C-alpha atoms as a PDB file:
ATOM      1  CA  MET A   1      11.118   9.904  -7.283  1.00  0.00           C
ATOM      2  CA  VAL A   2      13.852  10.025 -10.551  1.00  0.00           C
ATOM      3  CA  ARG A   3      14.992   7.017 -12.056  1.00  0.00           C
ATOM      4  CA  ALA A   4      18.334   5.765 -12.764  1.00  0.00           C
ATOM      5  CA  ASP A   5      18.631   6.857 -16.516  1.00  0.00           C
ATOM      6  CA  GLY A   6      17.314  10.441 -15.507  1.00  0.00           C
ATOM      7  CA  ARG A   7      13.591  10.424 -16.240  1.00  0.00           C
ATOM      8  CA  LYS A   8      10.961  11.117 -13.830  1.00  0.00           C
ATOM      9  CA  ALA A   9       9.373   7.409 -12.577  1.00  0.00           C
ATOM     10  CA  THR A  10       5.361   8.742 -12.279  1.00  0.00           C
ATOM     11  CA  PHE A  11       2.855   6.645 -10.665  1.00  0.00           C
ATOM     12  CA  VAL A  12      -1.472   6.552 -10.280  1.00  0.00           C
ATOM     13  CA  VAL A  13      -3.635   5.802  -7.869  1.00  0.00           C
ATOM     14  CA  ASP A  14      -5.964   2.445  -8.871  1.00  0.00           C
ATOM     15  CA  ASP A  15      -7.374   2.459  -5.524  1.00  0.00           C
ATOM     16  CA  ALA A  16      -7.157   2.387  -1.775  1.00  0.00           C
ATOM     17  CA  ASP A  17      -8.384  -0.277   0.932  1.00  0.00           C
ATOM     18  CA  SER A  18      -8.667  -0.608   4.424  1.00  0.00           C
ATOM     19  CA  PHE A  19      -7.872  -3.947   5.800  1.00  0.00           C
ATOM     20  CA  ALA A  20      -8.466  -5.286   9.128  1.00  0.00           C
ATOM     21  CA  LYS A  21      -4.864  -6.170  10.623  1.00  0.00           C
ATOM     22  CA  ASP A  22      -6.169 -10.166  11.170  1.00  0.00           C
ATOM     23  CA  ASP A  23      -7.614 -10.448   7.291  1.00  0.00           C
ATOM     24  CA  PHE A  24      -4.740  -8.714   5.392  1.00  0.00           C
ATOM     25  CA  PRO A  25      -4.556  -9.986   1.865  1.00  0.00           C
ATOM     26  CA  SER A  26      -0.560 -10.302   1.839  1.00  0.00           C
ATOM     27  CA  GLU A  27      -0.742 -12.038  -2.086  1.00  0.00           C
ATOM     28  CA  ARG A  28      -2.786  -8.992  -2.557  1.00  0.00           C
ATOM     29  CA  VAL A  29      -0.038  -6.424  -1.464  1.00  0.00           C
ATOM     30  CA  TYR A  30       3.383  -8.101  -1.295  1.00  0.00           C
ATOM     31  CA  GLY A  31       2.451 -10.688  -4.509  1.00  0.00           C
ATOM     32  CA  ASP A  32       4.750 -10.192  -7.802  1.00  0.00           C
ATOM     33  CA  THR A  33       2.833  -8.076 -10.383  1.00  0.00           C
ATOM     34  CA  PRO A  34       3.334  -8.008 -14.287  1.00  0.00           C
ATOM     35  CA  ASP A  35       4.304  -4.161 -14.551  1.00  0.00           C
ATOM     36  CA  ALA A  36       6.005  -1.774 -12.061  1.00  0.00           C
ATOM     37  CA  GLN A  37       3.771  -0.717  -8.982  1.00  0.00           C
ATOM     38  CA  VAL A  38       3.676   0.369  -5.458  1.00  0.00           C
ATOM     39  CA  ARG A  39       2.326  -0.206  -2.859  1.00  0.00           C
ATOM     40  CA  LEU A  40       2.000   2.677   0.445  1.00  0.00           C
ATOM     41  CA  ILE A  41       0.631   0.828   3.729  1.00  0.00           C
ATOM     42  CA  THR A  42      -0.154   2.690   6.491  1.00  0.00           C
ATOM     43  CA  CYS A  43      -2.500   2.794  10.032  1.00  0.00           C
ATOM     44  CA  ALA A  44      -6.080   3.048   9.612  1.00  0.00           C
ATOM     45  CA  GLY A  45      -9.457   2.296  11.913  1.00  0.00           C
ATOM     46  CA  ALA A  46      -9.793   3.159  15.593  1.00  0.00           C
ATOM     47  CA  TYR A  47      -6.785   3.089  17.785  1.00  0.00           C
ATOM     48  CA  ASP A  48      -6.297   0.022  20.112  1.00  0.00           C
ATOM     49  CA  ARG A  49      -5.010   1.809  23.354  1.00  0.00           C
ATOM     50  CA  GLN A  50      -4.474  -1.824  25.232  1.00  0.00           C
ATOM     51  CA  ALA A  51      -2.904  -3.241  22.036  1.00  0.00           C
ATOM     52  CA  ARG A  52      -0.946   0.025  21.130  1.00  0.00           C
ATOM     53  CA  ASP A  53      -1.995  -0.129  18.001  1.00  0.00           C
ATOM     54  CA  TYR A  54      -4.280   0.578  15.339  1.00  0.00           C
ATOM     55  CA  THR A  55      -7.224  -1.496  14.228  1.00  0.00           C
ATOM     56  CA  GLU A  56      -6.316  -1.537   9.971  1.00  0.00           C
ATOM     57  CA  ASN A  57      -4.256  -1.055   7.901  1.00  0.00           C
ATOM     58  CA  LEU A  58      -4.852   1.133   4.707  1.00  0.00           C
ATOM     59  CA  VAL A  59      -3.347   0.351   1.053  1.00  0.00           C
ATOM     60  CA  VAL A  60      -2.711   2.391  -1.464  1.00  0.00           C
ATOM     61  CA  PHE A  61      -2.412   0.666  -4.743  1.00  0.00           C
ATOM     62  CA  ALA A  62      -0.391   2.313  -7.713  1.00  0.00           C
ATOM     63  CA  HIS A  63       1.010   1.495 -11.118  1.00  0.00           C
ATOM     64  CA  LEU A  64       3.785   3.565 -13.177  1.00  0.00           C
ATOM     65  CA  VAL A  65       2.603   5.274 -16.034  1.00  0.00           C
END
């Protein structure tokens, strides 16, 4: 990622966790942080054909270095 000032923004992964859809930690994922951070959220777990969705979300946590 290139910043407005032309410098390259580099993030380092701190953690990656899977969470059940009905136990998603909204505050941990979407809450304010003291510094620049990124959250990548994608599907994980088994695919539930009836619900037409995966049972979990994988969240990757990273911070700006």
